[in-house]
C-alpha cells in the first residue's frame, strides 16, 4: 500500500472539505425554504462575492433556521453593509 492510500494521517477532526465546499455544506438546512434559497444563491451569486461578503454570508449561516428565515422575510436595515448586501441578494430568491 502506498503512503497516499493510507488513512494514517486522517483524524476525526480533520476535514477534507475546502472552504467553498464547507460553506455549501453549511447551506444545507432543516427548513426546505432555506435550502432552496441558499442553493440558488450559491449557484448564481457566490462566485461574485467579495471576501468581506463571503464572511458576511458565513455570519448569516451561523443563525438558526427560524432566525435566518425571519431576517430574509423582514426589511431589517440596522446591520453591517456587507451583511445587508448579502441579505438583499438572498431576498431575490
Protein backbone atom coordinates (compact mmCIF):
# COMPACT_ATOMS: atom_id res chain seq x y z
CA UNK A 1 0.00 0.00 0.00
CA UNK A 2 1.32 3.44 -0.91
CA UNK A 3 1.55 6.16 1.71
CA UNK A 4 -1.08 8.18 -0.25
CA UNK A 5 -3.55 5.32 0.14
CA UNK A 6 -3.14 5.15 3.90
CA UNK A 7 -5.58 6.64 6.36
CA UNK A 8 -2.83 7.05 8.99
CA UNK A 9 -2.92 10.84 8.69
CA UNK A 10 -6.70 11.06 8.87
CA UNK A 11 -8.13 12.14 12.19
CA UNK A 12 -11.78 12.51 13.15
CA UNK A 13 -11.22 16.27 13.40
CA UNK A 14 -9.58 16.73 10.01
CA UNK A 15 -11.87 17.79 7.23
CA UNK A 16 -11.42 17.05 3.54
CA UNK A 17 -13.79 19.93 2.78
CA UNK A 18 -12.43 23.01 1.06
CA UNK A 19 -13.64 26.37 2.39
CA UNK A 20 -16.07 26.64 -0.55
CA UNK A 21 -17.48 23.14 -0.03
CA UNK A 22 -17.72 23.80 3.72
CA UNK A 23 -19.91 26.83 3.03
CA UNK A 24 -22.02 24.78 0.60
CA UNK A 25 -22.42 22.13 3.33
CA UNK A 26 -23.47 24.80 5.84
CA UNK A 27 -26.20 25.86 3.39
CA UNK A 28 -27.96 22.53 3.96
CA UNK A 29 -30.67 23.34 6.44
CA UNK A 30 -33.60 21.71 8.16
CA UNK A 31 -36.03 24.09 6.51
CA UNK A 32 -36.87 23.38 2.85
CA UNK A 33 -37.46 27.05 2.05
CA UNK A 34 -33.96 27.94 3.24
CA UNK A 35 -32.45 25.00 1.35
CA UNK A 36 -33.97 26.32 -1.86
CA UNK A 37 -32.95 29.96 -1.31
CA UNK A 38 -29.41 29.12 -0.23
CA UNK A 39 -28.83 26.57 -3.01
CA UNK A 40 -29.94 29.04 -5.68
CA UNK A 41 -27.83 31.76 -4.11
CA UNK A 42 -24.75 29.53 -4.12
CA UNK A 43 -25.29 28.56 -7.75
CA UNK A 44 -25.93 32.05 -9.06
CA UNK A 45 -24.16 34.55 -6.80
CA UNK A 46 -21.49 33.02 -4.59
CA UNK A 47 -18.61 33.24 -7.08
CA UNK A 48 -19.17 37.00 -7.43
CA UNK A 49 -18.96 37.82 -3.72
CA UNK A 50 -16.04 39.74 -2.29
CA UNK A 51 -14.14 38.22 0.62
CA UNK A 52 -15.96 40.56 3.02
CA UNK A 53 -19.31 39.46 1.61
CA UNK A 54 -18.31 35.80 1.95
CA UNK A 55 -17.53 36.45 5.61
CA UNK A 56 -20.92 38.18 5.99
CA UNK A 57 -22.62 35.18 4.34
CA UNK A 58 -20.86 32.85 6.77
CA UNK A 59 -22.13 35.01 9.64
CA UNK A 60 -25.67 34.62 8.34
CA UNK A 61 -25.25 30.85 8.05
CA UNK A 62 -24.50 30.76 11.79
CA UNK A 63 -28.06 31.88 12.53
CA UNK A 64 -30.67 29.29 13.43
CA UNK A 65 -33.14 28.41 10.66
CA UNK A 66 -36.04 30.41 12.14
CA UNK A 67 -33.84 33.45 12.77
CA UNK A 68 -32.30 33.37 9.31
CA UNK A 69 -35.72 32.93 7.70
CA UNK A 70 -37.04 35.88 9.72
CA UNK A 71 -34.14 38.04 8.53
CA UNK A 72 -34.86 37.10 4.93
CA UNK A 73 -38.54 37.94 5.33
CA UNK A 74 -38.01 41.22 7.19
CA UNK A 75 -36.71 44.51 5.94
CA UNK A 76 -34.07 44.76 8.66
CA UNK A 77 -31.59 47.52 7.82
CA UNK A 78 -29.61 48.03 11.04
CA UNK A 79 -26.64 45.86 10.17
CA UNK A 80 -23.22 45.82 8.54
CA UNK A 81 -23.13 46.92 4.86
CA UNK A 82 -21.76 43.55 3.71
CA UNK A 83 -24.43 41.61 5.61
CA UNK A 84 -27.11 43.92 4.22
CA UNK A 85 -25.84 43.41 0.64
CA UNK A 86 -25.83 39.61 1.03
CA UNK A 87 -29.35 39.71 2.51
CA UNK A 88 -30.56 41.77 -0.45
CA UNK A 89 -29.12 39.18 -2.82
CA UNK A 90 -30.67 36.31 -0.85
CA UNK A 91 -34.06 38.01 -0.83
CA UNK A 92 -34.16 37.76 -4.64
CA UNK A 93 -34.82 34.05 -4.28
